Amino acid sequence: MENDVTTIILNDEDGKEVEFDVVTKMDIEDKEYIIVVPKDKEEIDEAIALRIDVDEEGNEVLTTVEDEDEFAMVEEAYETLFSEDQLN
């Protein structure tokens, strides 16, 4: 995924297109992740972690991080990244 992507459109569980802001992209243990938040929400109450996988044809596919240990790892990296940003 290109580093300059600022928004993406995903389909929700009802098939409705929803626009998301990309908060950050991170590389963790040889995997790429993005953190996104819904664009139309006034208050950011929940960020979504997505892993960038590659399918059989070489296309990038976004996969929701559902494994608790993997999610905890991404969450820790996200919190560390943003706590460092606030110090600068």
PDB file of N, CA and C in Angstrom:
ATOM      1  N   MET A   1       0.857  -1.176   0.000  1.00  0.00           N
ATOM      2  CA  MET A   1       0.000   0.000   0.000  1.00  0.00           C
ATOM      3  C   MET A   1       0.897   1.231   0.000  1.00  0.00           C
ATOM      4  N   GLU A   2       0.530   2.189  -0.808  1.00  0.00           N
ATOM      5  CA  GLU A   2       1.296   3.426  -0.896  1.00  0.00           C
ATOM      6  C   GLU A   2       1.228   4.191   0.416  1.00  0.00           C
ATOM      7  N   ASN A   3       2.323   4.844   0.782  1.00  0.00           N
ATOM      8  CA  ASN A   3       2.366   5.606   2.029  1.00  0.00           C
ATOM      9  C   ASN A   3       1.524   6.868   1.988  1.00  0.00           C
ATOM     10  N   ASP A   4       1.189   7.361   0.797  1.00  0.00           N
ATOM     11  CA  ASP A   4       0.458   8.623   0.700  1.00  0.00           C
ATOM     12  C   ASP A   4      -1.065   8.449   0.658  1.00  0.00           C
ATOM     13  N   VAL A   5      -1.553   7.242   0.866  1.00  0.00           N
ATOM     14  CA  VAL A   5      -2.995   7.002   0.891  1.00  0.00           C
ATOM     15  C   VAL A   5      -3.554   7.588   2.180  1.00  0.00           C
ATOM     16  N   THR A   6      -4.565   8.463   2.056  1.00  0.00           N
ATOM     17  CA  THR A   6      -5.132   9.096   3.247  1.00  0.00           C
ATOM     18  C   THR A   6      -6.546   8.620   3.549  1.00  0.00           C
ATOM     19  N   THR A   7      -7.238   8.106   2.542  1.00  0.00           N
ATOM     20  CA  THR A   7      -8.578   7.559   2.762  1.00  0.00           C
ATOM     21  C   THR A   7      -8.733   6.269   1.959  1.00  0.00           C
ATOM     22  N   ILE A   8      -9.583   5.386   2.481  1.00  0.00           N
ATOM     23  CA  ILE A   8      -9.928   4.161   1.767  1.00  0.00           C
ATOM     24  C   ILE A   8     -11.425   3.940   1.915  1.00  0.00           C
ATOM     25  N   ILE A   9     -11.996   3.167   1.007  1.00  0.00           N
ATOM     26  CA  ILE A   9     -13.417   2.821   1.075  1.00  0.00           C
ATOM     27  C   ILE A   9     -13.513   1.316   1.276  1.00  0.00           C
ATOM     28  N   LEU A  10     -14.244   0.931   2.324  1.00  0.00           N
ATOM     29  CA  LEU A  10     -14.463  -0.478   2.638  1.00  0.00           C
ATOM     30  C   LEU A  10     -15.956  -0.747   2.680  1.00  0.00           C
ATOM     31  N   ASN A  11     -16.338  -1.993   2.524  1.00  0.00           N
ATOM     32  CA  ASN A  11     -17.740  -2.389   2.654  1.00  0.00           C
ATOM     33  C   ASN A  11     -17.986  -2.889   4.066  1.00  0.00           C
ATOM     34  N   ASP A  12     -19.077  -2.397   4.686  1.00  0.00           N
ATOM     35  CA  ASP A  12     -19.421  -2.869   6.024  1.00  0.00           C
ATOM     36  C   ASP A  12     -20.147  -4.209   5.925  1.00  0.00           C
ATOM     37  N   GLU A  13     -20.602  -4.719   7.068  1.00  0.00           N
ATOM     38  CA  GLU A  13     -21.238  -6.037   7.089  1.00  0.00           C
ATOM     39  C   GLU A  13     -22.539  -6.086   6.295  1.00  0.00           C
ATOM     40  N   ASP A  14     -23.131  -4.914   5.999  1.00  0.00           N
ATOM     41  CA  ASP A  14     -24.352  -4.855   5.192  1.00  0.00           C
ATOM     42  C   ASP A  14     -24.065  -4.599   3.717  1.00  0.00           C
ATOM     43  N   GLY A  15     -22.782  -4.529   3.345  1.00  0.00           N
ATOM     44  CA  GLY A  15     -22.401  -4.263   1.970  1.00  0.00           C
ATOM     45  C   GLY A  15     -22.374  -2.792   1.610  1.00  0.00           C
ATOM     46  N   LYS A  16     -22.617  -1.926   2.581  1.00  0.00           N
ATOM     47  CA  LYS A  16     -22.619  -0.484   2.351  1.00  0.00           C
ATOM     48  C   LYS A  16     -21.182   0.035   2.346  1.00  0.00           C
ATOM     49  N   GLU A  17     -20.860   0.911   1.380  1.00  0.00           N
ATOM     50  CA  GLU A  17     -19.528   1.495   1.315  1.00  0.00           C
ATOM     51  C   GLU A  17     -19.353   2.530   2.414  1.00  0.00           C
ATOM     52  N   VAL A  18     -18.226   2.447   3.119  1.00  0.00           N
ATOM     53  CA  VAL A  18     -17.913   3.371   4.201  1.00  0.00           C
ATOM     54  C   VAL A  18     -16.510   3.906   3.960  1.00  0.00           C
ATOM     55  N   GLU A  19     -16.361   5.229   4.049  1.00  0.00           N
ATOM     56  CA  GLU A  19     -15.059   5.851   3.841  1.00  0.00           C
ATOM     57  C   GLU A  19     -14.325   5.956   5.175  1.00  0.00           C
ATOM     58  N   PHE A  20     -13.034   5.617   5.152  1.00  0.00           N
ATOM     59  CA  PHE A  20     -12.202   5.650   6.349  1.00  0.00           C
ATOM     60  C   PHE A  20     -10.985   6.530   6.114  1.00  0.00           C
ATOM     61  N   ASP A  21     -10.570   7.238   7.166  1.00  0.00           N
ATOM     62  CA  ASP A  21      -9.296   7.953   7.155  1.00  0.00           C
ATOM     63  C   ASP A  21      -8.217   6.989   7.614  1.00  0.00           C
ATOM     64  N   VAL A  22      -7.097   6.989   6.912  1.00  0.00           N
ATOM     65  CA  VAL A  22      -5.951   6.189   7.328  1.00  0.00           C
ATOM     66  C   VAL A  22      -5.163   7.023   8.330  1.00  0.00           C
ATOM     67  N   VAL A  23      -5.076   6.534   9.564  1.00  0.00           N
ATOM     68  CA  VAL A  23      -4.373   7.249  10.624  1.00  0.00           C
ATOM     69  C   VAL A  23      -2.874   7.042  10.494  1.00  0.00           C
ATOM     70  N   THR A  24      -2.467   5.800  10.292  1.00  0.00           N
ATOM     71  CA  THR A  24      -1.048   5.496  10.154  1.00  0.00           C
ATOM     72  C   THR A  24      -0.856   4.136   9.508  1.00  0.00           C
ATOM     73  N   LYS A  25       0.345   3.924   9.022  1.00  0.00           N
ATOM     74  CA  LYS A  25       0.753   2.629   8.482  1.00  0.00           C
ATOM     75  C   LYS A  25       1.971   2.196   9.286  1.00  0.00           C
ATOM     76  N   MET A  26       2.013   0.923   9.662  1.00  0.00           N
ATOM     77  CA  MET A  26       3.112   0.423  10.486  1.00  0.00           C
ATOM     78  C   MET A  26       3.619  -0.906   9.942  1.00  0.00           C
ATOM     79  N   ASP A  27       4.919  -1.120  10.072  1.00  0.00           N
ATOM     80  CA  ASP A  27       5.528  -2.408   9.765  1.00  0.00           C
ATOM     81  C   ASP A  27       5.895  -3.061  11.090  1.00  0.00           C
ATOM     82  N   ILE A  28       5.338  -4.245  11.343  1.00  0.00           N
ATOM     83  CA  ILE A  28       5.593  -4.966  12.588  1.00  0.00           C
ATOM     84  C   ILE A  28       5.890  -6.420  12.242  1.00  0.00           C
ATOM     85  N   GLU A  29       7.065  -6.889  12.654  1.00  0.00           N
ATOM     86  CA  GLU A  29       7.454  -8.287  12.439  1.00  0.00           C
ATOM     87  C   GLU A  29       7.191  -8.751  11.006  1.00  0.00           C
ATOM     88  N   ASP A  30       7.714  -8.023  10.047  1.00  0.00           N
ATOM     89  CA  ASP A  30       7.620  -8.363   8.624  1.00  0.00           C
ATOM     90  C   ASP A  30       6.201  -8.361   8.068  1.00  0.00           C
ATOM     91  N   LYS A  31       5.276  -7.721   8.766  1.00  0.00           N
ATOM     92  CA  LYS A  31       3.911  -7.564   8.265  1.00  0.00           C
ATOM     93  C   LYS A  31       3.573  -6.083   8.273  1.00  0.00           C
ATOM     94  N   GLU A  32       2.687  -5.694   7.352  1.00  0.00           N
ATOM     95  CA  GLU A  32       2.252  -4.303   7.278  1.00  0.00           C
ATOM     96  C   GLU A  32       0.832  -4.182   7.822  1.00  0.00           C
ATOM     97  N   TYR A  33       0.595  -3.097   8.546  1.00  0.00           N
ATOM     98  CA  TYR A  33      -0.713  -2.825   9.128  1.00  0.00           C
ATOM     99  C   TYR A  33      -1.080  -1.376   8.868  1.00  0.00           C
ATOM    100  N   ILE A  34      -2.387  -1.113   8.789  1.00  0.00           N
ATOM    101  CA  ILE A  34      -2.865   0.261   8.796  1.00  0.00           C
ATOM    102  C   ILE A  34      -3.907   0.387   9.899  1.00  0.00           C
ATOM    103  N   ILE A  35      -3.990   1.583  10.442  1.00  0.00           N
ATOM    104  CA  ILE A  35      -5.012   1.913  11.424  1.00  0.00           C
ATOM    105  C   ILE A  35      -5.943   2.906  10.748  1.00  0.00           C
ATOM    106  N   VAL A  36      -7.240   2.617  10.756  1.00  0.00           N
ATOM    107  CA  VAL A  36      -8.224   3.479  10.106  1.00  0.00           C
ATOM    108  C   VAL A  36      -9.335   3.841  11.078  1.00  0.00           C
ATOM    109  N   VAL A  37      -9.967   4.991  10.810  1.00  0.00           N
ATOM    110  CA  VAL A  37     -11.144   5.424  11.575  1.00  0.00           C
ATOM    111  C   VAL A  37     -12.195   5.886  10.575  1.00  0.00           C
ATOM    112  N   PRO A  38     -13.479   5.693  10.892  1.00  0.00           N
ATOM    113  CA  PRO A  38     -14.539   6.146   9.979  1.00  0.00           C
ATOM    114  C   PRO A  38     -14.441   7.647   9.738  1.00  0.00           C
ATOM    115  N   LYS A  39     -14.530   8.052   8.484  1.00  0.00           N
ATOM    116  CA  LYS A  39     -14.377   9.457   8.114  1.00  0.00           C
ATOM    117  C   LYS A  39     -15.535  10.321   8.597  1.00  0.00           C
ATOM    118  N   ASP A  40     -16.742   9.784   8.637  1.00  0.00           N
ATOM    119  CA  ASP A  40     -17.909  10.605   8.960  1.00  0.00           C
ATOM    120  C   ASP A  40     -18.202  10.702  10.453  1.00  0.00           C
ATOM    121  N   LYS A  41     -17.386  10.104  11.284  1.00  0.00           N
ATOM    122  CA  LYS A  41     -17.605  10.185  12.731  1.00  0.00           C
ATOM    123  C   LYS A  41     -17.008  11.484  13.257  1.00  0.00           C
ATOM    124  N   GLU A  42     -17.769  12.209  14.074  1.00  0.00           N
ATOM    125  CA  GLU A  42     -17.245  13.438  14.656  1.00  0.00           C
ATOM    126  C   GLU A  42     -16.267  13.131  15.776  1.00  0.00           C
ATOM    127  N   GLU A  43     -16.565  12.115  16.551  1.00  0.00           N
ATOM    128  CA  GLU A  43     -15.663  11.706  17.619  1.00  0.00           C
ATOM    129  C   GLU A  43     -15.057  10.364  17.247  1.00  0.00           C
ATOM    130  N   ILE A  44     -13.745  10.280  17.391  1.00  0.00           N
ATOM    131  CA  ILE A  44     -13.066   9.028  17.085  1.00  0.00           C
ATOM    132  C   ILE A  44     -13.093   8.173  18.344  1.00  0.00           C
ATOM    133  N   ASP A  45     -14.004   7.207  18.363  1.00  0.00           N
ATOM    134  CA  ASP A  45     -14.108   6.354  19.539  1.00  0.00           C
ATOM    135  C   ASP A  45     -13.528   4.968  19.300  1.00  0.00           C
ATOM    136  N   GLU A  46     -13.307   4.628  18.045  1.00  0.00           N
ATOM    137  CA  GLU A  46     -12.804   3.292  17.763  1.00  0.00           C
ATOM    138  C   GLU A  46     -11.999   3.280  16.474  1.00  0.00           C
ATOM    139  N   ALA A  47     -10.758   2.852  16.598  1.00  0.00           N
ATOM    140  CA  ALA A  47      -9.910   2.672  15.429  1.00  0.00           C
ATOM    141  C   ALA A  47      -9.942   1.194  15.052  1.00  0.00           C
ATOM    142  N   ILE A  48      -9.723   0.917  13.779  1.00  0.00           N
ATOM    143  CA  ILE A  48      -9.727  -0.454  13.285  1.00  0.00           C
ATOM    144  C   ILE A  48      -8.336  -0.776  12.762  1.00  0.00           C
ATOM    145  N   ALA A  49      -7.801  -1.919  13.189  1.00  0.00           N
ATOM    146  CA  ALA A  49      -6.496  -2.377  12.720  1.00  0.00           C
ATOM    147  C   ALA A  49      -6.706  -3.354  11.571  1.00  0.00           C
ATOM    148  N   LEU A  50      -6.030  -3.096  10.461  1.00  0.00           N
ATOM    149  CA  LEU A  50      -6.113  -3.967   9.291  1.00  0.00           C
ATOM    150  C   LEU A  50      -4.709  -4.402   8.893  1.00  0.00           C
ATOM    151  N   ARG A  51      -4.565  -5.686   8.585  1.00  0.00           N
ATOM    152  CA  ARG A  51      -3.285  -6.206   8.106  1.00  0.00           C
ATOM    153  C   ARG A  51      -3.314  -6.175   6.581  1.00  0.00           C
ATOM    154  N   ILE A  52      -2.205  -5.803   5.977  1.00  0.00           N
ATOM    155  CA  ILE A  52      -2.100  -5.795   4.520  1.00  0.00           C
ATOM    156  C   ILE A  52      -1.493  -7.130   4.097  1.00  0.00           C
ATOM    157  N   ASP A  53      -2.317  -7.980   3.494  1.00  0.00           N
ATOM    158  CA  ASP A  53      -1.875  -9.281   2.995  1.00  0.00           C
ATOM    159  C   ASP A  53      -1.788  -9.216   1.472  1.00  0.00           C
ATOM    160  N   VAL A  54      -1.174 -10.228   0.876  1.00  0.00           N
ATOM    161  CA  VAL A  54      -1.083 -10.329  -0.580  1.00  0.00           C
ATOM    162  C   VAL A  54      -1.753 -11.633  -0.988  1.00  0.00           C
ATOM    163  N   ASP A  55      -2.707 -11.536  -1.943  1.00  0.00           N
ATOM    164  CA  ASP A  55      -3.407 -12.744  -2.392  1.00  0.00           C
ATOM    165  C   ASP A  55      -2.580 -13.511  -3.425  1.00  0.00           C
ATOM    166  N   GLU A  56      -3.145 -14.605  -3.936  1.00  0.00           N
ATOM    167  CA  GLU A  56      -2.440 -15.470  -4.880  1.00  0.00           C
ATOM    168  C   GLU A  56      -2.023 -14.750  -6.155  1.00  0.00           C
ATOM    169  N   GLU A  57      -2.759 -13.706  -6.523  1.00  0.00           N
ATOM    170  CA  GLU A  57      -2.468 -12.975  -7.752  1.00  0.00           C
ATOM    171  C   GLU A  57      -1.541 -11.790  -7.525  1.00  0.00           C
ATOM    172  N   GLY A  58      -1.067 -11.618  -6.280  1.00  0.00           N
ATOM    173  CA  GLY A  58      -0.148 -10.524  -5.980  1.00  0.00           C
ATOM    174  C   GLY A  58      -0.830  -9.216  -5.622  1.00  0.00           C
ATOM    175  N   ASN A  59      -2.149  -9.244  -5.440  1.00  0.00           N
ATOM    176  CA  ASN A  59      -2.891  -8.034  -5.080  1.00  0.00           C
ATOM    177  C   ASN A  59      -2.922  -7.862  -3.569  1.00  0.00           C
ATOM    178  N   GLU A  60      -2.829  -6.608  -3.124  1.00  0.00           N
ATOM    179  CA  GLU A  60      -2.933  -6.337  -1.697  1.00  0.00           C
ATOM    180  C   GLU A  60      -4.378  -6.477  -1.239  1.00  0.00           C
ATOM    181  N   VAL A  61      -4.562  -7.127  -0.095  1.00  0.00           N
ATOM    182  CA  VAL A  61      -5.873  -7.364   0.488  1.00  0.00           C
ATOM    183  C   VAL A  61      -5.817  -6.925   1.943  1.00  0.00           C
ATOM    184  N   LEU A  62      -6.829  -6.166   2.377  1.00  0.00           N
ATOM    185  CA  LEU A  62      -6.897  -5.737   3.770  1.00  0.00           C
ATOM    186  C   LEU A  62      -7.672  -6.766   4.572  1.00  0.00           C
ATOM    187  N   THR A  63      -7.075  -7.214   5.669  1.00  0.00           N
ATOM    188  CA  THR A  63      -7.672  -8.232   6.520  1.00  0.00           C
ATOM    189  C   THR A  63      -7.822  -7.675   7.928  1.00  0.00           C
ATOM    190  N   THR A  64      -9.012  -7.782   8.498  1.00  0.00           N
ATOM    191  CA  THR A  64      -9.228  -7.332   9.871  1.00  0.00           C
ATOM    192  C   THR A  64      -8.405  -8.185  10.821  1.00  0.00           C
ATOM    193  N   VAL A  65      -7.725  -7.531  11.758  1.00  0.00           N
ATOM    194  CA  VAL A  65      -6.934  -8.246  12.760  1.00  0.00           C
ATOM    195  C   VAL A  65      -7.897  -8.750  13.829  1.00  0.00           C
ATOM    196  N   GLU A  66      -8.099 -10.057  13.871  1.00  0.00           N
ATOM    197  CA  GLU A  66      -9.044 -10.652  14.812  1.00  0.00           C
ATOM    198  C   GLU A  66      -8.363 -11.441  15.923  1.00  0.00           C
ATOM    199  N   ASP A  67      -7.134 -11.911  15.687  1.00  0.00           N
ATOM    200  CA  ASP A  67      -6.399 -12.647  16.704  1.00  0.00           C
ATOM    201  C   ASP A  67      -6.035 -11.703  17.852  1.00  0.00           C
ATOM    202  N   GLU A  68      -6.373 -12.085  19.079  1.00  0.00           N
ATOM    203  CA  GLU A  68      -6.174 -11.206  20.235  1.00  0.00           C
ATOM    204  C   GLU A  68      -4.713 -10.847  20.453  1.00  0.00           C
ATOM    205  N   ASP A  69      -3.805 -11.814  20.300  1.00  0.00           N
ATOM    206  CA  ASP A  69      -2.379 -11.542  20.508  1.00  0.00           C
ATOM    207  C   ASP A  69      -1.836 -10.604  19.436  1.00  0.00           C
ATOM    208  N   GLU A  70      -2.238 -10.846  18.192  1.00  0.00           N
ATOM    209  CA  GLU A  70      -1.791  -9.984  17.100  1.00  0.00           C
ATOM    210  C   GLU A  70      -2.350  -8.575  17.285  1.00  0.00           C
ATOM    211  N   PHE A  71      -3.622  -8.475  17.682  1.00  0.00           N
ATOM    212  CA  PHE A  71      -4.229  -7.164  17.905  1.00  0.00           C
ATOM    213  C   PHE A  71      -3.509  -6.428  19.028  1.00  0.00           C
ATOM    214  N   ALA A  72      -3.182  -7.135  20.108  1.00  0.00           N
ATOM    215  CA  ALA A  72      -2.471  -6.514  21.232  1.00  0.00           C
ATOM    216  C   ALA A  72      -1.112  -5.987  20.784  1.00  0.00           C
ATOM    217  N   MET A  73      -0.427  -6.720  19.909  1.00  0.00           N
ATOM    218  CA  MET A  73       0.863  -6.287  19.391  1.00  0.00           C
ATOM    219  C   MET A  73       0.713  -5.005  18.567  1.00  0.00           C
ATOM    220  N   VAL A  74      -0.301  -4.955  17.710  1.00  0.00           N
ATOM    221  CA  VAL A  74      -0.542  -3.774  16.883  1.00  0.00           C
ATOM    222  C   VAL A  74      -0.950  -2.594  17.762  1.00  0.00           C
ATOM    223  N   GLU A  75      -1.806  -2.849  18.737  1.00  0.00           N
ATOM    224  CA  GLU A  75      -2.254  -1.791  19.637  1.00  0.00           C
ATOM    225  C   GLU A  75      -1.076  -1.195  20.413  1.00  0.00           C
ATOM    226  N   GLU A  76      -0.179  -2.042  20.886  1.00  0.00           N
ATOM    227  CA  GLU A  76       0.990  -1.563  21.624  1.00  0.00           C
ATOM    228  C   GLU A  76       1.886  -0.706  20.728  1.00  0.00           C
ATOM    229  N   ALA A  77       2.108  -1.155  19.493  1.00  0.00           N
ATOM    230  CA  ALA A  77       2.927  -0.386  18.555  1.00  0.00           C
ATOM    231  C   ALA A  77       2.275   0.956  18.241  1.00  0.00           C
ATOM    232  N   TYR A  78       0.964   0.962  18.067  1.00  0.00           N
ATOM    233  CA  TYR A  78       0.210   2.186  17.790  1.00  0.00           C
ATOM    234  C   TYR A  78       0.332   3.164  18.955  1.00  0.00           C
ATOM    235  N   GLU A  79       0.129   2.669  20.173  1.00  0.00           N
ATOM    236  CA  GLU A  79       0.213   3.535  21.351  1.00  0.00           C
ATOM    237  C   GLU A  79       1.623   4.076  21.539  1.00  0.00           C
ATOM    238  N   THR A  80       2.637   3.249  21.285  1.00  0.00           N
ATOM    239  CA  THR A  80       4.025   3.698  21.388  1.00  0.00           C
ATOM    240  C   THR A  80       4.314   4.774  20.354  1.00  0.00           C
ATOM    241  N   LEU A  81       3.856   4.553  19.133  1.00  0.00           N
ATOM    242  CA  LEU A  81       4.074   5.519  18.058  1.00  0.00           C
ATOM    243  C   LEU A  81       3.462   6.866  18.398  1.00  0.00           C
ATOM    244  N   PHE A  82       2.233   6.861  18.873  1.00  0.00           N
ATOM    245  CA  PHE A  82       1.565   8.128  19.144  1.00  0.00           C
ATOM    246  C   PHE A  82       2.020   8.773  20.443  1.00  0.00           C
ATOM    247  N   SER A  83       2.498   8.006  21.403  1.00  0.00           N
ATOM    248  CA  SER A  83       3.051   8.628  22.609  1.00  0.00           C
ATOM    249  C   SER A  83       4.379   9.293  22.275  1.00  0.00           C
ATOM    250  N   GLU A  84       5.155   8.711  21.343  1.00  0.00           N
ATOM    251  CA  GLU A  84       6.402   9.334  20.894  1.00  0.00           C
ATOM    252  C   GLU A  84       6.111  10.599  20.099  1.00  0.00           C
ATOM    253  N   ASP A  85       5.072  10.582  19.258  1.00  0.00           N
ATOM    254  CA  ASP A  85       4.700  11.766  18.481  1.00  0.00           C
ATOM    255  C   ASP A  85       4.322  12.918  19.391  1.00  0.00           C
ATOM    256  N   GLN A  86       3.650  12.633  20.485  1.00  0.00           N
ATOM    257  CA  GLN A  86       3.219  13.688  21.392  1.00  0.00           C
ATOM    258  C   GLN A  86       4.391  14.284  22.156  1.00  0.00           C
ATOM    259  N   LEU A  87       5.485  13.531  22.306  1.00  0.00           N
ATOM    260  CA  LEU A  87       6.664  14.043  22.993  1.00  0.00           C
ATOM    261  C   LEU A  87       7.452  15.006  22.123  1.00  0.00           C
ATOM    262  N   ASN A  88       7.325  14.893  20.818  1.00  0.00           N
ATOM    263  CA  ASN A  88       8.098  15.747  19.893  1.00  0.00           C
ATOM    264  C   ASN A  88       7.394  17.023  19.572  1.00  0.00           C
TER     265      ASN A  88
END
